Full PDB file with SEQRES, HELIX, SHEET, SSBOND, CRYST1, ORIGX, SCALE, CONECT and MASTER records, all heavy atoms in Angstrom:
SEQRES   1 A   46  VAL GLN LEU LEU ILE MET TYR TYR ILE ILE PHE ALA ALA          
SEQRES   2 A   46  SER ASN ASN LYS LEU PHE VAL ALA ILE LEU ALA PHE GLY          
SEQRES   3 A   46  LEU ASN SER ALA ALA TYR VAL ALA GLU ILE PHE ARG SER          
SEQRES   4 A   46  GLY ILE MET SER ILE ASP ALA                                  
HELIX    1 AA1 GLN A    2  ILE A    5  1                                   4    
HELIX    2 AA2 MET A    6  ILE A   10  3                                   5    
HELIX    3 AA3 LYS A   17  MET A   42  1                                  26    
CRYST1    1.000    1.000    1.000  90.00  90.00  90.00 P 1           1          
ORIGX1      1.000000  0.000000  0.000000        0.00000                         
ORIGX2      0.000000  1.000000  0.000000        0.00000                         
ORIGX3      0.000000  0.000000  1.000000        0.00000                         
SCALE1      1.000000  0.000000  0.000000        0.00000                         
SCALE2      0.000000  1.000000  0.000000        0.00000                         
SCALE3      0.000000  0.000000  1.000000        0.00000                         
ATOM      1  N   VAL A   1      44.117 112.155-117.716  1.00  0.00           N  
ATOM      2  CA  VAL A   1      45.541 111.830-117.590  1.00  0.00           C  
ATOM      3  C   VAL A   1      45.717 110.661-116.627  1.00  0.00           C  
ATOM      4  O   VAL A   1      46.531 109.749-116.868  1.00  0.00           O  
ATOM      5  CB  VAL A   1      46.349 113.057-117.126  1.00  0.00           C  
ATOM      6  CG1 VAL A   1      47.808 112.681-116.890  1.00  0.00           C  
ATOM      7  CG2 VAL A   1      46.252 114.180-118.147  1.00  0.00           C  
ATOM      8  N   GLN A   2      44.971 110.666-115.524  1.00  0.00           N  
ATOM      9  CA  GLN A   2      45.034 109.558-114.568  1.00  0.00           C  
ATOM     10  C   GLN A   2      44.602 108.255-115.230  1.00  0.00           C  
ATOM     11  O   GLN A   2      45.208 107.198-115.003  1.00  0.00           O  
ATOM     12  CB  GLN A   2      44.153 109.865-113.361  1.00  0.00           C  
ATOM     13  CG  GLN A   2      44.595 111.083-112.566  1.00  0.00           C  
ATOM     14  CD  GLN A   2      43.529 111.560-111.597  1.00  0.00           C  
ATOM     15  OE1 GLN A   2      42.615 110.820-111.245  1.00  0.00           O  
ATOM     16  NE2 GLN A   2      43.625 112.815-111.165  1.00  0.00           N  
ATOM     17  N   LEU A   3      43.569 108.320-116.054  1.00  0.00           N  
ATOM     18  CA  LEU A   3      43.083 107.133-116.767  1.00  0.00           C  
ATOM     19  C   LEU A   3      44.154 106.596-117.713  1.00  0.00           C  
ATOM     20  O   LEU A   3      44.400 105.386-117.771  1.00  0.00           O  
ATOM     21  CB  LEU A   3      41.808 107.479-117.544  1.00  0.00           C  
ATOM     22  CG  LEU A   3      41.213 106.372-118.417  1.00  0.00           C  
ATOM     23  CD1 LEU A   3      40.759 105.198-117.561  1.00  0.00           C  
ATOM     24  CD2 LEU A   3      40.039 106.909-119.236  1.00  0.00           C  
ATOM     25  N   LEU A   4      44.796 107.482-118.438  1.00  0.00           N  
ATOM     26  CA  LEU A   4      45.832 107.070-119.380  1.00  0.00           C  
ATOM     27  C   LEU A   4      47.042 106.486-118.656  1.00  0.00           C  
ATOM     28  O   LEU A   4      47.639 105.508-119.114  1.00  0.00           O  
ATOM     29  CB  LEU A   4      46.260 108.266-120.238  1.00  0.00           C  
ATOM     30  CG  LEU A   4      45.199 108.797-121.208  1.00  0.00           C  
ATOM     31  CD1 LEU A   4      45.686 110.059-121.902  1.00  0.00           C  
ATOM     32  CD2 LEU A   4      44.816 107.745-122.242  1.00  0.00           C  
ATOM     33  N   ILE A   5      47.424 107.075-117.523  1.00  0.00           N  
ATOM     34  CA  ILE A   5      48.532 106.537-116.732  1.00  0.00           C  
ATOM     35  C   ILE A   5      48.201 105.140-116.228  1.00  0.00           C  
ATOM     36  O   ILE A   5      49.034 104.223-116.274  1.00  0.00           O  
ATOM     37  CB  ILE A   5      48.870 107.475-115.557  1.00  0.00           C  
ATOM     38  CG1 ILE A   5      49.507 108.773-116.083  1.00  0.00           C  
ATOM     39  CG2 ILE A   5      49.808 106.795-114.562  1.00  0.00           C  
ATOM     40  CD1 ILE A   5      49.720 109.827-115.019  1.00  0.00           C  
ATOM     41  N   MET A   6      46.970 104.968-115.743  1.00  0.00           N  
ATOM     42  CA  MET A   6      46.527 103.659-115.264  1.00  0.00           C  
ATOM     43  C   MET A   6      46.604 102.618-116.375  1.00  0.00           C  
ATOM     44  O   MET A   6      47.087 101.497-116.169  1.00  0.00           O  
ATOM     45  CB  MET A   6      45.086 103.745-114.737  1.00  0.00           C  
ATOM     46  CG  MET A   6      44.961 104.333-113.362  1.00  0.00           C  
ATOM     47  SD  MET A   6      45.445 103.148-112.092  1.00  0.00           S  
ATOM     48  CE  MET A   6      44.977 104.077-110.636  1.00  0.00           C  
ATOM     49  N   TYR A   7      46.129 102.992-117.552  1.00  0.00           N  
ATOM     50  CA  TYR A   7      45.990 102.020-118.642  1.00  0.00           C  
ATOM     51  C   TYR A   7      47.311 101.727-119.345  1.00  0.00           C  
ATOM     52  O   TYR A   7      47.641 100.575-119.616  1.00  0.00           O  
ATOM     53  CB  TYR A   7      44.964 102.536-119.652  1.00  0.00           C  
ATOM     54  CG  TYR A   7      44.657 101.547-120.757  1.00  0.00           C  
ATOM     55  CD1 TYR A   7      43.898 100.408-120.507  1.00  0.00           C  
ATOM     56  CD2 TYR A   7      45.149 101.745-122.048  1.00  0.00           C  
ATOM     57  CE1 TYR A   7      43.619  99.498-121.511  1.00  0.00           C  
ATOM     58  CE2 TYR A   7      44.872 100.837-123.062  1.00  0.00           C  
ATOM     59  CZ  TYR A   7      44.109  99.717-122.785  1.00  0.00           C  
ATOM     60  OH  TYR A   7      43.848  98.813-123.787  1.00  0.00           O  
ATOM     61  N   TYR A   8      48.083 102.778-119.625  1.00  0.00           N  
ATOM     62  CA  TYR A   8      49.288 102.612-120.439  1.00  0.00           C  
ATOM     63  C   TYR A   8      50.573 102.419-119.629  1.00  0.00           C  
ATOM     64  O   TYR A   8      51.587 102.019-120.186  1.00  0.00           O  
ATOM     65  CB  TYR A   8      49.458 103.815-121.367  1.00  0.00           C  
ATOM     66  CG  TYR A   8      48.439 103.861-122.470  1.00  0.00           C  
ATOM     67  CD1 TYR A   8      47.444 104.833-122.476  1.00  0.00           C  
ATOM     68  CD2 TYR A   8      48.454 102.930-123.502  1.00  0.00           C  
ATOM     69  CE1 TYR A   8      46.493 104.879-123.485  1.00  0.00           C  
ATOM     70  CE2 TYR A   8      47.505 102.966-124.516  1.00  0.00           C  
ATOM     71  CZ  TYR A   8      46.531 103.948-124.507  1.00  0.00           C  
ATOM     72  OH  TYR A   8      45.584 103.986-125.513  1.00  0.00           O  
ATOM     73  N   ILE A   9      50.539 102.718-118.318  1.00  0.00           N  
ATOM     74  CA  ILE A   9      51.752 102.597-117.506  1.00  0.00           C  
ATOM     75  C   ILE A   9      51.574 101.583-116.378  1.00  0.00           C  
ATOM     76  O   ILE A   9      52.250 100.555-116.345  1.00  0.00           O  
ATOM     77  CB  ILE A   9      52.158 103.974-116.929  1.00  0.00           C  
ATOM     78  CG1 ILE A   9      52.431 104.976-118.069  1.00  0.00           C  
ATOM     79  CG2 ILE A   9      53.395 103.832-116.039  1.00  0.00           C  
ATOM     80  CD1 ILE A   9      52.773 106.367-117.603  1.00  0.00           C  
ATOM     81  N   ILE A  10      50.670 101.876-115.452  1.00  0.00           N  
ATOM     82  CA  ILE A  10      50.544 101.022-114.261  1.00  0.00           C  
ATOM     83  C   ILE A  10      50.011  99.639-114.610  1.00  0.00           C  
ATOM     84  O   ILE A  10      50.527  98.617-114.144  1.00  0.00           O  
ATOM     85  CB  ILE A  10      49.642 101.708-113.210  1.00  0.00           C  
ATOM     86  CG1 ILE A  10      50.260 103.043-112.771  1.00  0.00           C  
ATOM     87  CG2 ILE A  10      49.445 100.785-112.001  1.00  0.00           C  
ATOM     88  CD1 ILE A  10      49.420 103.826-111.803  1.00  0.00           C  
ATOM     89  N   PHE A  11      48.967  99.586-115.445  1.00  0.00           N  
ATOM     90  CA  PHE A  11      48.370  98.301-115.826  1.00  0.00           C  
ATOM     91  C   PHE A  11      48.573  98.039-117.320  1.00  0.00           C  
ATOM     92  O   PHE A  11      47.669  97.549-118.001  1.00  0.00           O  
ATOM     93  CB  PHE A  11      46.878  98.279-115.481  1.00  0.00           C  
ATOM     94  CG  PHE A  11      46.592  98.287-114.011  1.00  0.00           C  
ATOM     95  CD1 PHE A  11      46.236  99.468-113.376  1.00  0.00           C  
ATOM     96  CD2 PHE A  11      46.692  97.130-113.262  1.00  0.00           C  
ATOM     97  CE1 PHE A  11      45.967  99.489-112.011  1.00  0.00           C  
ATOM     98  CE2 PHE A  11      46.427  97.141-111.901  1.00  0.00           C  
ATOM     99  CZ  PHE A  11      46.070  98.322-111.268  1.00  0.00           C  
ATOM    100  N   ALA A  12      49.764  98.345-117.801  1.00  0.00           N  
ATOM    101  CA  ALA A  12      50.058  98.176-119.230  1.00  0.00           C  
ATOM    102  C   ALA A  12      49.957  96.713-119.674  1.00  0.00           C  
ATOM    103  O   ALA A  12      49.641  96.425-120.837  1.00  0.00           O  
ATOM    104  CB  ALA A  12      51.447  98.714-119.546  1.00  0.00           C  
ATOM    105  N   ALA A  13      50.218  95.790-118.750  1.00  0.00           N  
ATOM    106  CA  ALA A  13      50.178  94.364-119.096  1.00  0.00           C  
ATOM    107  C   ALA A  13      48.775  93.776-119.015  1.00  0.00           C  
ATOM    108  O   ALA A  13      48.562  92.615-119.372  1.00  0.00           O  
ATOM    109  CB  ALA A  13      51.119  93.582-118.178  1.00  0.00           C  
ATOM    110  N   SER A  14      47.804  94.563-118.558  1.00  0.00           N  
ATOM    111  CA  SER A  14      46.441  94.057-118.387  1.00  0.00           C  
ATOM    112  C   SER A  14      45.583  94.416-119.594  1.00  0.00           C  
ATOM    113  O   SER A  14      45.721  95.490-120.179  1.00  0.00           O  
ATOM    114  CB  SER A  14      45.812  94.650-117.119  1.00  0.00           C  
ATOM    115  OG  SER A  14      44.446  94.282-117.013  1.00  0.00           O  
ATOM    116  N   ASN A  15      44.699  93.487-119.953  1.00  0.00           N  
ATOM    117  CA  ASN A  15      43.748  93.735-121.036  1.00  0.00           C  
ATOM    118  C   ASN A  15      42.347  94.037-120.515  1.00  0.00           C  
ATOM    119  O   ASN A  15      41.411  94.169-121.297  1.00  0.00           O  
ATOM    120  CB  ASN A  15      43.690  92.518-121.973  1.00  0.00           C  
ATOM    121  CG  ASN A  15      44.989  92.311-122.730  1.00  0.00           C  
ATOM    122  OD1 ASN A  15      45.604  93.289-123.179  1.00  0.00           O  
ATOM    123  ND2 ASN A  15      45.412  91.059-122.868  1.00  0.00           N  
ATOM    124  N   ASN A  16      42.225  94.117-119.185  1.00  0.00           N  
ATOM    125  CA  ASN A  16      40.917  94.354-118.572  1.00  0.00           C  
ATOM    126  C   ASN A  16      40.648  95.861-118.510  1.00  0.00           C  
ATOM    127  O   ASN A  16      40.927  96.514-117.513  1.00  0.00           O  
ATOM    128  CB  ASN A  16      40.863  93.738-117.177  1.00  0.00           C  
ATOM    129  CG  ASN A  16      39.451  93.645-116.629  1.00  0.00           C  
ATOM    130  OD1 ASN A  16      38.571  94.414-117.025  1.00  0.00           O  
ATOM    131  ND2 ASN A  16      39.231  92.709-115.733  1.00  0.00           N  
ATOM    132  N   LYS A  17      40.109  96.401-119.599  1.00  0.00           N  
ATOM    133  CA  LYS A  17      39.874  97.838-119.675  1.00  0.00           C  
ATOM    134  C   LYS A  17      38.837  98.288-118.653  1.00  0.00           C  
ATOM    135  O   LYS A  17      38.948  99.382-118.093  1.00  0.00           O  
ATOM    136  CB  LYS A  17      39.404  98.212-121.081  1.00  0.00           C  
ATOM    137  CG  LYS A  17      40.408  97.893-122.176  1.00  0.00           C  
ATOM    138  CD  LYS A  17      39.815  98.177-123.548  1.00  0.00           C  
ATOM    139  CE  LYS A  17      40.776  97.774-124.651  1.00  0.00           C  
ATOM    140  NZ  LYS A  17      40.177  97.976-125.987  1.00  0.00           N  
ATOM    141  N   LEU A  18      37.817  97.454-118.416  1.00  0.00           N  
ATOM    142  CA  LEU A  18      36.761  97.818-117.476  1.00  0.00           C  
ATOM    143  C   LEU A  18      37.317  97.989-116.071  1.00  0.00           C  
ATOM    144  O   LEU A  18      37.004  98.966-115.378  1.00  0.00           O  
ATOM    145  CB  LEU A  18      35.662  96.756-117.484  1.00  0.00           C  
ATOM    146  CG  LEU A  18      34.461  97.013-116.568  1.00  0.00           C  
ATOM    147  CD1 LEU A  18      33.731  98.278-116.991  1.00  0.00           C  
ATOM    148  CD2 LEU A  18      33.514  95.814-116.582  1.00  0.00           C  
ATOM    149  N   PHE A  19      38.168  97.053-115.645  1.00  0.00           N  
ATOM    150  CA  PHE A  19      38.770  97.136-114.317  1.00  0.00           C  
ATOM    151  C   PHE A  19      39.621  98.398-114.182  1.00  0.00           C  
ATOM    152  O   PHE A  19      39.546  99.098-113.175  1.00  0.00           O  
ATOM    153  CB  PHE A  19      39.632  95.895-114.060  1.00  0.00           C  
ATOM    154  CG  PHE A  19      40.505  96.007-112.839  1.00  0.00           C  
ATOM    155  CD1 PHE A  19      39.968  95.845-111.570  1.00  0.00           C  
ATOM    156  CD2 PHE A  19      41.865  96.288-112.958  1.00  0.00           C  
ATOM    157  CE1 PHE A  19      40.770  95.954-110.438  1.00  0.00           C  
ATOM    158  CE2 PHE A  19      42.670  96.399-111.836  1.00  0.00           C  
ATOM    159  CZ  PHE A  19      42.120  96.232-110.578  1.00  0.00           C  
ATOM    160  N   VAL A  20      40.424  98.679-115.198  1.00  0.00           N  
ATOM    161  CA  VAL A  20      41.287  99.858-115.167  1.00  0.00           C  
ATOM    162  C   VAL A  20      40.454 101.127-115.085  1.00  0.00           C  
ATOM    163  O   VAL A  20      40.765 102.049-114.316  1.00  0.00           O  
ATOM    164  CB  VAL A  20      42.207  99.891-116.398  1.00  0.00           C  
ATOM    165  CG1 VAL A  20      42.992 101.200-116.446  1.00  0.00           C  
ATOM    166  CG2 VAL A  20      43.168  98.708-116.387  1.00  0.00           C  
ATOM    167  N   ALA A  21      39.370 101.192-115.859  1.00  0.00           N  
ATOM    168  CA  ALA A  21      38.511 102.380-115.855  1.00  0.00           C  
ATOM    169  C   ALA A  21      37.839 102.567-114.502  1.00  0.00           C  
ATOM    170  O   ALA A  21      37.794 103.682-113.966  1.00  0.00           O  
ATOM    171  CB  ALA A  21      37.463 102.267-116.966  1.00  0.00           C  
ATOM    172  N   ILE A  22      37.318 101.479-113.941  1.00  0.00           N  
ATOM    173  CA  ILE A  22      36.670 101.556-112.621  1.00  0.00           C  
ATOM    174  C   ILE A  22      37.667 102.031-111.573  1.00  0.00           C  
ATOM    175  O   ILE A  22      37.357 102.897-110.740  1.00  0.00           O  
ATOM    176  CB  ILE A  22      36.083 100.189-112.230  1.00  0.00           C  
ATOM    177  CG1 ILE A  22      34.875  99.854-113.107  1.00  0.00           C  
ATOM    178  CG2 ILE A  22      35.683 100.175-110.754  1.00  0.00           C  
ATOM    179  CD1 ILE A  22      34.360  98.438-112.924  1.00  0.00           C  
ATOM    180  N   LEU A  23      38.875 101.486-111.611  1.00  0.00           N  
ATOM    181  CA  LEU A  23      39.893 101.860-110.632  1.00  0.00           C  
ATOM    182  C   LEU A  23      40.292 103.326-110.791  1.00  0.00           C  
ATOM    183  O   LEU A  23      40.391 104.067-109.801  1.00  0.00           O  
ATOM    184  CB  LEU A  23      41.123 100.964-110.798  1.00  0.00           C  
ATOM    185  CG  LEU A  23      42.199 101.051-109.713  1.00  0.00           C  
ATOM    186  CD1 LEU A  23      41.616 100.685-108.354  1.00  0.00           C  
ATOM    187  CD2 LEU A  23      43.373 100.147-110.051  1.00  0.00           C  
ATOM    188  N   ALA A  24      40.490 103.761-112.027  1.00  0.00           N  
ATOM    189  CA  ALA A  24      40.903 105.146-112.276  1.00  0.00           C  
ATOM    190  C   ALA A  24      39.831 106.135-111.830  1.00  0.00           C  
ATOM    191  O   ALA A  24      40.128 107.108-111.116  1.00  0.00           O  
ATOM    192  CB  ALA A  24      41.219 105.342-113.761  1.00  0.00           C  
ATOM    193  N   PHE A  25      38.593 105.893-112.226  1.00  0.00           N  
ATOM    194  CA  PHE A  25      37.516 106.814-111.857  1.00  0.00           C  
ATOM    195  C   PHE A  25      37.179 106.709-110.368  1.00  0.00           C  
ATOM    196  O   PHE A  25      36.825 107.710-109.736  1.00  0.00           O  
ATOM    197  CB  PHE A  25      36.265 106.538-112.697  1.00  0.00           C  
ATOM    198  CG  PHE A  25      36.405 106.932-114.134  1.00  0.00           C  
ATOM    199  CD1 PHE A  25      36.403 105.982-115.137  1.00  0.00           C  
ATOM    200  CD2 PHE A  25      36.569 108.265-114.493  1.00  0.00           C  
ATOM    201  CE1 PHE A  25      36.539 106.340-116.468  1.00  0.00           C  
ATOM    202  CE2 PHE A  25      36.709 108.638-115.826  1.00  0.00           C  
ATOM    203  CZ  PHE A  25      36.705 107.670-116.814  1.00  0.00           C  
ATOM    204  N   GLY A  26      37.295 105.511-109.802  1.00  0.00           N  
ATOM    205  CA  GLY A  26      37.034 105.348-108.372  1.00  0.00           C  
ATOM    206  C   GLY A  26      38.049 106.070-107.520  1.00  0.00           C  
ATOM    207  O   GLY A  26      37.696 106.741-106.542  1.00  0.00           O  
ATOM    208  N   LEU A  27      39.331 105.956-107.887  1.00  0.00           N  
ATOM    209  CA  LEU A  27      40.379 106.641-107.135  1.00  0.00           C  
ATOM    210  C   LEU A  27      40.255 108.158-107.276  1.00  0.00           C  
ATOM    211  O   LEU A  27      40.517 108.905-106.338  1.00  0.00           O  
ATOM    212  CB  LEU A  27      41.754 106.183-107.620  1.00  0.00           C  
ATOM    213  CG  LEU A  27      42.139 104.735-107.285  1.00  0.00           C  
ATOM    214  CD1 LEU A  27      43.481 104.375-107.911  1.00  0.00           C  
ATOM    215  CD2 LEU A  27      42.182 104.517-105.778  1.00  0.00           C  
ATOM    216  N   ASN A  28      39.855 108.600-108.461  1.00  0.00           N  
ATOM    217  CA  ASN A  28      39.656 110.040-108.660  1.00  0.00           C  
ATOM    218  C   ASN A  28      38.492 110.549-107.813  1.00  0.00           C  
ATOM    219  O   ASN A  28      38.604 111.577-107.135  1.00  0.00           O  
ATOM    220  CB  ASN A  28      39.396 110.322-110.138  1.00  0.00           C  
ATOM    221  CG  ASN A  28      39.136 111.786-110.417  1.00  0.00           C  
ATOM    222  OD1 ASN A  28      37.994 112.243-110.402  1.00  0.00           O  
ATOM    223  ND2 ASN A  28      40.186 112.543-110.672  1.00  0.00           N  
ATOM    224  N   SER A  29      37.391 109.818-107.832  1.00  0.00           N  
ATOM    225  CA  SER A  29      36.220 110.233-107.066  1.00  0.00           C  
ATOM    226  C   SER A  29      36.488 110.208-105.571  1.00  0.00           C  
ATOM    227  O   SER A  29      35.989 111.062-104.826  1.00  0.00           O  
ATOM    228  CB  SER A  29      35.038 109.315-107.392  1.00  0.00           C  
ATOM    229  OG  SER A  29      33.892 109.682-106.670  1.00  0.00           O  
ATOM    230  N   ALA A  30      37.288 109.247-105.108  1.00  0.00           N  
ATOM    231  CA  ALA A  30      37.573 109.113-103.676  1.00  0.00           C  
ATOM    232  C   ALA A  30      38.197 110.375-103.103  1.00  0.00           C  
ATOM    233  O   ALA A  30      37.926 110.741-101.952  1.00  0.00           O  
ATOM    234  CB  ALA A  30      38.504 107.923-103.429  1.00  0.00           C  
ATOM    235  N   ALA A  31      39.020 111.059-103.898  1.00  0.00           N  
ATOM    236  CA  ALA A  31      39.669 112.274-103.413  1.00  0.00           C  
ATOM    237  C   ALA A  31      38.649 113.360-103.101  1.00  0.00           C  
ATOM    238  O   ALA A  31      38.762 114.080-102.105  1.00  0.00           O  
ATOM    239  CB  ALA A  31      40.674 112.780-104.450  1.00  0.00           C  
ATOM    240  N   TYR A  32      37.635 113.475-103.940  1.00  0.00           N  
ATOM    241  CA  TYR A  32      36.607 114.499-103.738  1.00  0.00           C  
ATOM    242  C   TYR A  32      35.605 114.070-102.665  1.00  0.00           C  
ATOM    243  O   TYR A  32      35.160 114.899-101.857  1.00  0.00           O  
ATOM    244  CB  TYR A  32      35.887 114.787-105.061  1.00  0.00           C  
ATOM    245  CG  TYR A  32      36.819 115.372-106.100  1.00  0.00           C  
ATOM    246  CD1 TYR A  32      37.480 114.552-107.004  1.00  0.00           C  
ATOM    247  CD2 TYR A  32      37.070 116.741-106.139  1.00  0.00           C  
ATOM    248  CE1 TYR A  32      38.356 115.083-107.942  1.00  0.00           C  
ATOM    249  CE2 TYR A  32      37.945 117.282-107.075  1.00  0.00           C  
ATOM    250  CZ  TYR A  32      38.585 116.448-107.962  1.00  0.00           C  
ATOM    251  OH  TYR A  32      39.471 116.977-108.879  1.00  0.00           O  
ATOM    252  N   VAL A  33      35.269 112.772-102.649  1.00  0.00           N  
ATOM    253  CA  VAL A  33      34.370 112.257-101.613  1.00  0.00           C  
ATOM    254  C   VAL A  33      35.017 112.418-100.236  1.00  0.00           C  
ATOM    255  O   VAL A  33      34.333 112.744 -99.262  1.00  0.00           O  
ATOM    256  CB  VAL A  33      34.033 110.777-101.881  1.00  0.00           C  
ATOM    257  CG1 VAL A  33      33.294 110.167-100.690  1.00  0.00           C  
ATOM    258  CG2 VAL A  33      33.179 110.638-103.134  1.00  0.00           C  
ATOM    259  N   ALA A  34      36.331 112.212-100.146  1.00  0.00           N  
ATOM    260  CA  ALA A  34      37.035 112.337 -98.870  1.00  0.00           C  
ATOM    261  C   ALA A  34      36.885 113.737 -98.296  1.00  0.00           C  
ATOM    262  O   ALA A  34      36.610 113.902 -97.101  1.00  0.00           O  
ATOM    263  CB  ALA A  34      38.522 111.997 -99.057  1.00  0.00           C  
ATOM    264  N   GLU A  35      37.044 114.748 -99.136  1.00  0.00           N  
ATOM    265  CA  GLU A  35      36.918 116.119 -98.653  1.00  0.00           C  
ATOM    266  C   GLU A  35      35.472 116.462 -98.307  1.00  0.00           C  
ATOM    267  O   GLU A  35      35.211 117.228 -97.375  1.00  0.00           O  
ATOM    268  CB  GLU A  35      37.458 117.092 -99.704  1.00  0.00           C  
ATOM    269  CG  GLU A  35      38.971 117.062 -99.831  1.00  0.00           C  
ATOM    270  CD  GLU A  35      39.663 117.404 -98.521  1.00  0.00           C  
ATOM    271  OE1 GLU A  35      39.766 118.600 -98.189  1.00  0.00           O  
ATOM    272  OE2 GLU A  35      40.087 116.463 -97.809  1.00  0.00           O  
ATOM    273  N   ILE A  36      34.537 115.885 -99.051  1.00  0.00           N  
ATOM    274  CA  ILE A  36      33.115 116.099 -98.750  1.00  0.00           C  
ATOM    275  C   ILE A  36      32.780 115.520 -97.379  1.00  0.00           C  
ATOM    276  O   ILE A  36      32.157 116.180 -96.530  1.00  0.00           O  
ATOM    277  CB  ILE A  36      32.228 115.470 -99.844  1.00  0.00           C  
ATOM    278  CG1 ILE A  36      32.359 116.247-101.153  1.00  0.00           C  
ATOM    279  CG2 ILE A  36      30.760 115.435 -99.397  1.00  0.00           C  
ATOM    280  CD1 ILE A  36      31.686 115.566-102.334  1.00  0.00           C  
ATOM    281  N   PHE A  37      33.189 114.266 -97.151  1.00  0.00           N  
ATOM    282  CA  PHE A  37      32.916 113.618 -95.871  1.00  0.00           C  
ATOM    283  C   PHE A  37      33.681 114.282 -94.730  1.00  0.00           C  
ATOM    284  O   PHE A  37      33.178 114.395 -93.618  1.00  0.00           O  
ATOM    285  CB  PHE A  37      33.259 112.129 -95.932  1.00  0.00           C  
ATOM    286  CG  PHE A  37      32.107 111.263 -96.335  1.00  0.00           C  
ATOM    287  CD1 PHE A  37      32.109 110.602 -97.549  1.00  0.00           C  
ATOM    288  CD2 PHE A  37      31.015 111.107 -95.504  1.00  0.00           C  
ATOM    289  CE1 PHE A  37      31.046 109.801 -97.926  1.00  0.00           C  
ATOM    290  CE2 PHE A  37      29.941 110.309 -95.866  1.00  0.00           C  
ATOM    291  CZ  PHE A  37      29.955 109.653 -97.090  1.00  0.00           C  
ATOM    292  N   ARG A  38      34.906 114.696 -95.004  1.00  0.00           N  
ATOM    293  CA  ARG A  38      35.697 115.339 -93.946  1.00  0.00           C  
ATOM    294  C   ARG A  38      35.025 116.622 -93.474  1.00  0.00           C  
ATOM    295  O   ARG A  38      34.957 116.901 -92.272  1.00  0.00           O  
ATOM    296  CB  ARG A  38      37.115 115.646 -94.437  1.00  0.00           C  
ATOM    297  CG  ARG A  38      38.035 116.151 -93.337  1.00  0.00           C  
ATOM    298  CD  ARG A  38      39.440 116.363 -93.860  1.00  0.00           C  
ATOM    299  NE  ARG A  38      39.536 117.602 -94.621  1.00  0.00           N  
ATOM    300  CZ  ARG A  38      39.828 118.799 -94.096  1.00  0.00           C  
ATOM    301  NH1 ARG A  38      40.038 118.911 -92.795  1.00  0.00           N  
ATOM    302  NH2 ARG A  38      39.909 119.860 -94.866  1.00  0.00           N  
ATOM    303  N   SER A  39      34.512 117.407 -94.419  1.00  0.00           N  
ATOM    304  CA  SER A  39      33.811 118.636 -94.037  1.00  0.00           C  
ATOM    305  C   SER A  39      32.562 118.311 -93.228  1.00  0.00           C  
ATOM    306  O   SER A  39      32.215 119.034 -92.291  1.00  0.00           O  
ATOM    307  CB  SER A  39      33.450 119.446 -95.280  1.00  0.00           C  
ATOM    308  OG  SER A  39      32.516 118.752 -96.090  1.00  0.00           O  
ATOM    309  N   GLY A  40      31.893 117.219 -93.592  1.00  0.00           N  
ATOM    310  CA  GLY A  40      30.705 116.808 -92.846  1.00  0.00           C  
ATOM    311  C   GLY A  40      31.040 116.363 -91.441  1.00  0.00           C  
ATOM    312  O   GLY A  40      30.348 116.716 -90.474  1.00  0.00           O  
ATOM    313  N   ILE A  41      32.121 115.593 -91.293  1.00  0.00           N  
ATOM    314  CA  ILE A  41      32.537 115.131 -89.972  1.00  0.00           C  
ATOM    315  C   ILE A  41      32.985 116.293 -89.094  1.00  0.00           C  
ATOM    316  O   ILE A  41      32.637 116.383 -87.912  1.00  0.00           O  
ATOM    317  CB  ILE A  41      33.670 114.089 -90.104  1.00  0.00           C  
ATOM    318  CG1 ILE A  41      33.135 112.814 -90.758  1.00  0.00           C  
ATOM    319  CG2 ILE A  41      34.276 113.766 -88.740  1.00  0.00           C  
ATOM    320  CD1 ILE A  41      34.214 111.795 -91.100  1.00  0.00           C  
ATOM    321  N   MET A  42      33.747 117.218 -89.689  1.00  0.00           N  
ATOM    322  CA  MET A  42      34.244 118.364 -88.922  1.00  0.00           C  
ATOM    323  C   MET A  42      33.110 119.304 -88.497  1.00  0.00           C  
ATOM    324  O   MET A  42      33.266 120.074 -87.551  1.00  0.00           O  
ATOM    325  CB  MET A  42      35.279 119.131 -89.741  1.00  0.00           C  
ATOM    326  CG  MET A  42      36.541 118.338 -90.066  1.00  0.00           C  
ATOM    327  SD  MET A  42      37.466 117.791 -88.614  1.00  0.00           S  
ATOM    328  CE  MET A  42      38.142 119.374 -88.052  1.00  0.00           C  
ATOM    329  N   SER A  43      31.986 119.241 -89.220  1.00  0.00           N  
ATOM    330  CA  SER A  43      30.857 120.114 -88.875  1.00  0.00           C  
ATOM    331  C   SER A  43      30.043 119.604 -87.693  1.00  0.00           C  
ATOM    332  O   SER A  43      29.228 120.334 -87.126  1.00  0.00           O  
ATOM    333  CB  SER A  43      29.928 120.279 -90.085  1.00  0.00           C  
ATOM    334  OG  SER A  43      29.244 119.061 -90.380  1.00  0.00           O  
ATOM    335  N   ILE A  44      30.254 118.334 -87.317  1.00  0.00           N  
ATOM    336  CA  ILE A  44      29.524 117.760 -86.182  1.00  0.00           C  
ATOM    337  C   ILE A  44      30.082 118.319 -84.880  1.00  0.00           C  
ATOM    338  O   ILE A  44      31.299 118.373 -84.682  1.00  0.00           O  
ATOM    339  CB  ILE A  44      29.626 116.217 -86.181  1.00  0.00           C  
ATOM    340  CG1 ILE A  44      29.110 115.646 -87.502  1.00  0.00           C  
ATOM    341  CG2 ILE A  44      28.854 115.640 -85.007  1.00  0.00           C  
ATOM    342  CD1 ILE A  44      27.672 115.965 -87.794  1.00  0.00           C  
ATOM    343  N   ASP A  45      29.196 118.735 -84.006  1.00  0.00           N  
ATOM    344  CA  ASP A  45      29.615 119.324 -82.740  1.00  0.00           C  
ATOM    345  C   ASP A  45      30.451 118.348 -81.917  1.00  0.00           C  
ATOM    346  O   ASP A  45      30.176 117.149 -81.879  1.00  0.00           O  
ATOM    347  CB  ASP A  45      28.374 119.739 -81.938  1.00  0.00           C  
ATOM    348  CG  ASP A  45      28.733 120.533 -80.692  1.00  0.00           C  
ATOM    349  OD1 ASP A  45      28.916 121.762 -80.806  1.00  0.00           O  
ATOM    350  OD2 ASP A  45      28.854 119.906 -79.622  1.00  0.00           O  
ATOM    351  N   ALA A  46      31.477 118.873 -81.268  1.00  0.00           N  
ATOM    352  CA  ALA A  46      32.369 118.036 -80.456  1.00  0.00           C  
ATOM    353  C   ALA A  46      31.619 117.319 -79.345  1.00  0.00           C  
ATOM    354  O   ALA A  46      32.048 116.252 -78.872  1.00  0.00           O  
ATOM    355  CB  ALA A  46      33.487 118.886 -79.871  1.00  0.00           C  
TER     356      ALA A  46                                                      
MASTER        0    0    0    3    0    0    0    6  355    1    0    4          
END                                                                             
């Protein structure tokens, strides 16, 4: 759904499908990577 929103709504005027796909999947992955890294940082002793 995020990919379709990126392609058909946010970047509807763009023909660069590769850029849209990279951005959509990168932004999606960032949310999960953020929580992974946050748990790692919080696990480090004060």
